[in-house]
Amino acid sequence: MSRELIEDLKEEMKAVNFNENSTDTVQLVSDALTWITSQEESNNYIHNLKTACNLEYVSGRNLGILASLFPTYDRELEYQAELRERERKRAAEKAKEANSQHIGNVGDRITVNIDSIRCLTSWETQWGITRIYKLVDDKGNVFTWKTSKYLDDEVKVIKGTVKEHTEYRGIKQTELTKCKEIA
């Protein structure tokens, strides 16, 4: 690396108040290097990054890929945090639904206050698209509705006829038919 390039880098680091000897920076470098050495070489980029990080000294040729270590490491940390958050939400949803009960009797017309809506699946038929929705009320009771209608998250109340009481993976579900959006 040329002396001029080194001086330019030092000036840039000074301009952003970067301290290469701070405890946080040393810890970040250590964590990022530990992370990259544990990665499986699943593509050329990871292979090249691991190789560059294992070199004894840095040359100008490797500077770009070495600098990419930190944004790559940050993206991985964000991805892992998102996975943990999704898993936490999934566990909370399952815990809430575990207490689901069958509501009404077959043939009864009931009103459901919807807490959450999720389209489980959809497919094309000769009459259009058919969707199966999973509806959960504020008490954690699970309802299913097979329809050609599109429901958005803003639907809060529906009225429908109890078609059947079922159980899926240990969770009691009330299957609805002939539903109408109330609010």
Protein backbone atom coordinates (compact mmCIF):
# COMPACT_ATOMS: atom_id res chain seq x y z
CA MET A 1 0.00 0.00 0.00
CA SER A 2 1.42 3.41 -0.90
CA ARG A 3 2.24 5.90 1.80
CA GLU A 4 -0.11 8.38 0.15
CA LEU A 5 -3.03 5.94 0.39
CA ILE A 6 -2.25 5.25 4.05
CA GLU A 7 -2.20 8.98 4.83
CA ASP A 8 -5.52 9.47 3.00
CA LEU A 9 -7.07 6.64 5.03
CA LYS A 10 -5.77 8.11 8.29
CA GLU A 11 -7.22 11.52 7.39
CA GLU A 12 -10.57 9.96 6.56
CA MET A 13 -10.61 8.03 9.85
CA LYS A 14 -9.77 11.23 11.73
CA ALA A 15 -12.59 13.08 9.94
CA VAL A 16 -15.18 10.58 11.23
CA ASN A 17 -13.63 10.32 14.72
CA PHE A 18 -12.65 6.69 14.20
CA ASN A 19 -10.39 5.35 16.95
CA GLU A 20 -8.82 2.04 15.96
CA ASN A 21 -7.64 1.44 19.52
CA SER A 22 -10.97 1.91 21.31
CA THR A 23 -12.33 -1.08 23.24
CA ASP A 24 -15.46 -1.15 21.05
CA THR A 25 -13.46 -1.21 17.82
CA VAL A 26 -11.11 -3.92 19.05
CA GLN A 27 -14.09 -6.02 20.18
CA LEU A 28 -15.91 -5.49 16.85
CA VAL A 29 -12.84 -6.57 14.87
CA SER A 30 -12.38 -9.62 17.10
CA ASP A 31 -16.06 -10.61 16.82
CA ALA A 32 -16.12 -10.10 13.03
CA LEU A 33 -12.94 -12.14 12.54
CA THR A 34 -14.27 -14.93 14.78
CA TRP A 35 -17.52 -14.91 12.80
CA ILE A 36 -15.86 -15.06 9.36
CA THR A 37 -13.55 -17.92 10.36
CA SER A 38 -16.60 -19.96 11.45
CA GLN A 39 -18.42 -19.45 8.13
CA GLU A 40 -18.74 -22.25 5.62
CA GLU A 41 -17.28 -21.29 2.25
CA SER A 42 -20.64 -21.40 0.50
CA ASN A 43 -19.68 -18.94 -2.27
CA ASN A 44 -16.65 -17.21 -3.80
CA TYR A 45 -17.17 -14.03 -1.82
CA ILE A 46 -17.01 -15.78 1.57
CA HIS A 47 -14.01 -17.82 0.40
CA ASN A 48 -12.16 -14.68 -0.73
CA LEU A 49 -13.09 -12.78 2.44
CA LYS A 50 -11.88 -15.63 4.66
CA THR A 51 -8.65 -15.83 2.68
CA ALA A 52 -8.04 -12.07 2.92
CA CYS A 53 -8.77 -12.09 6.68
CA ASN A 54 -6.21 -14.87 7.20
CA LEU A 55 -3.39 -12.95 5.50
CA GLU A 56 -0.51 -11.84 7.65
CA TYR A 57 -0.51 -8.26 6.32
CA VAL A 58 -2.84 -5.97 4.37
CA SER A 59 -2.07 -4.72 0.90
CA GLY A 60 -4.00 -2.16 -1.12
CA ARG A 61 -5.19 -5.02 -3.30
CA ASN A 62 -7.10 -6.62 -0.41
CA LEU A 63 -8.36 -3.45 1.23
CA GLY A 64 -11.76 -3.42 -0.48
CA ILE A 65 -12.73 -6.97 0.44
CA LEU A 66 -11.37 -6.55 3.97
CA ALA A 67 -13.46 -3.40 4.43
CA SER A 68 -16.54 -5.35 3.33
CA LEU A 69 -16.18 -7.65 6.34
CA PHE A 70 -17.93 -5.21 8.68
CA PRO A 71 -21.09 -4.49 6.63
CA THR A 72 -21.34 -8.22 5.91
CA TYR A 73 -21.01 -9.02 9.61
CA ASP A 74 -23.58 -6.32 10.47
CA ARG A 75 -26.05 -7.75 7.93
CA GLU A 76 -25.60 -11.21 9.45
CA LEU A 77 -26.28 -9.82 12.95
CA GLU A 78 -29.43 -8.07 11.66
CA TYR A 79 -30.55 -11.26 9.91
CA GLN A 80 -30.06 -13.32 13.09
CA ALA A 81 -31.97 -10.71 15.13
CA GLU A 82 -34.84 -10.83 12.60
CA LEU A 83 -34.90 -14.63 12.84
CA ARG A 84 -35.05 -14.48 16.63
CA GLU A 85 -37.85 -11.89 16.48
CA ARG A 86 -39.85 -14.02 14.00
CA GLU A 87 -39.36 -17.06 16.22
CA ARG A 88 -40.45 -15.08 19.29
CA LYS A 89 -43.60 -13.89 17.48
CA ARG A 90 -44.33 -17.42 16.25
CA ALA A 91 -43.97 -18.81 19.79
CA ALA A 92 -46.25 -16.08 21.22
CA GLU A 93 -48.82 -16.81 18.50
CA LYS A 94 -48.70 -20.55 19.22
CA ALA A 95 -49.03 -19.95 22.96
CA LYS A 96 -52.07 -17.75 22.37
CA GLU A 97 -53.67 -20.28 19.99
CA ALA A 98 -53.00 -23.23 22.32
CA ASN A 99 -56.08 -22.21 24.33
CA SER A 100 -58.33 -22.10 21.26
CA GLN A 101 -61.82 -23.52 21.78
CA HIS A 102 -64.59 -24.55 19.39
CA ILE A 103 -67.07 -21.70 19.17
CA GLY A 104 -70.81 -22.14 18.66
CA ASN A 105 -72.59 -25.19 17.29
CA VAL A 106 -72.61 -26.41 13.71
CA GLY A 107 -75.17 -24.30 11.85
CA ASP A 108 -75.04 -21.36 14.28
CA ARG A 109 -74.54 -17.87 12.89
CA ILE A 110 -71.75 -16.20 14.93
CA THR A 111 -69.93 -12.88 15.00
CA VAL A 112 -66.13 -12.95 15.30
CA ASN A 113 -63.98 -10.02 16.47
CA ILE A 114 -60.77 -10.58 14.54
CA ASP A 115 -57.39 -9.95 16.14
CA SER A 116 -55.28 -11.31 13.26
CA ILE A 117 -55.80 -12.57 9.70
CA ARG A 118 -53.45 -14.74 7.69
CA CYS A 119 -53.95 -16.28 4.26
CA LEU A 120 -52.70 -19.85 4.65
CA THR A 121 -52.90 -20.85 0.99
CA SER A 122 -54.57 -20.00 -2.30
CA TRP A 123 -55.01 -21.71 -5.63
CA GLU A 124 -56.56 -21.06 -9.02
CA THR A 125 -59.83 -22.80 -9.89
CA GLN A 126 -62.14 -22.55 -12.87
CA TRP A 127 -64.18 -19.97 -10.87
CA GLY A 128 -61.20 -17.84 -9.81
CA ILE A 129 -58.81 -17.84 -6.88
CA THR A 130 -59.75 -19.74 -3.72
CA ARG A 131 -58.11 -18.78 -0.44
CA ILE A 132 -58.05 -20.31 3.02
CA TYR A 133 -57.79 -17.76 5.81
CA LYS A 134 -56.84 -18.34 9.40
CA LEU A 135 -58.59 -15.88 11.69
CA VAL A 136 -57.73 -15.50 15.38
CA ASP A 137 -59.98 -13.61 17.76
CA ASP A 138 -58.86 -11.58 20.77
CA LYS A 139 -59.26 -14.64 23.05
CA GLY A 140 -56.98 -16.81 20.89
CA ASN A 141 -59.75 -18.87 19.28
CA VAL A 142 -58.85 -20.01 15.76
CA PHE A 143 -61.29 -19.86 12.85
CA THR A 144 -60.78 -20.90 9.24
CA TRP A 145 -62.64 -19.60 6.22
CA LYS A 146 -62.37 -20.89 2.66
CA THR A 147 -63.43 -18.16 0.25
CA SER A 148 -62.75 -16.46 -3.08
CA LYS A 149 -62.82 -13.04 -1.37
CA TYR A 150 -59.66 -11.10 -0.62
CA LEU A 151 -59.36 -10.02 3.01
CA ASP A 152 -56.97 -7.33 4.11
CA ASP A 153 -55.67 -6.68 7.62
CA GLU A 154 -58.26 -3.96 8.19
CA VAL A 155 -61.18 -6.40 8.53
CA LYS A 156 -62.02 -6.51 12.24
CA VAL A 157 -65.45 -8.19 12.48
CA ILE A 158 -67.11 -10.90 10.40
CA LYS A 159 -70.34 -12.79 10.74
CA GLY A 160 -70.48 -16.38 9.51
CA THR A 161 -72.04 -19.80 9.87
CA VAL A 162 -70.21 -22.54 11.79
CA LYS A 163 -69.61 -25.27 9.24
CA GLU A 164 -67.53 -27.69 11.28
CA HIS A 165 -65.36 -28.07 14.38
CA THR A 166 -61.91 -29.43 13.54
CA GLU A 167 -58.51 -29.84 15.13
CA TYR A 168 -55.18 -29.22 13.40
CA ARG A 169 -51.90 -30.09 15.13
CA GLY A 170 -53.61 -30.09 18.49
CA ILE A 171 -55.28 -26.68 18.02
CA LYS A 172 -59.08 -26.56 17.99
CA GLN A 173 -60.48 -24.67 15.01
CA THR A 174 -63.95 -23.49 14.08
CA GLU A 175 -64.51 -23.66 10.33
CA LEU A 176 -66.76 -20.89 9.02
CA THR A 177 -68.74 -20.54 5.82
CA LYS A 178 -71.04 -17.90 4.25
CA CYS A 179 -69.16 -15.11 6.02
CA LYS A 180 -69.86 -11.42 5.65
CA GLU A 181 -67.55 -8.55 6.61
CA ILE A 182 -69.20 -6.36 9.25
CA ALA A 183 -66.36 -3.93 10.00
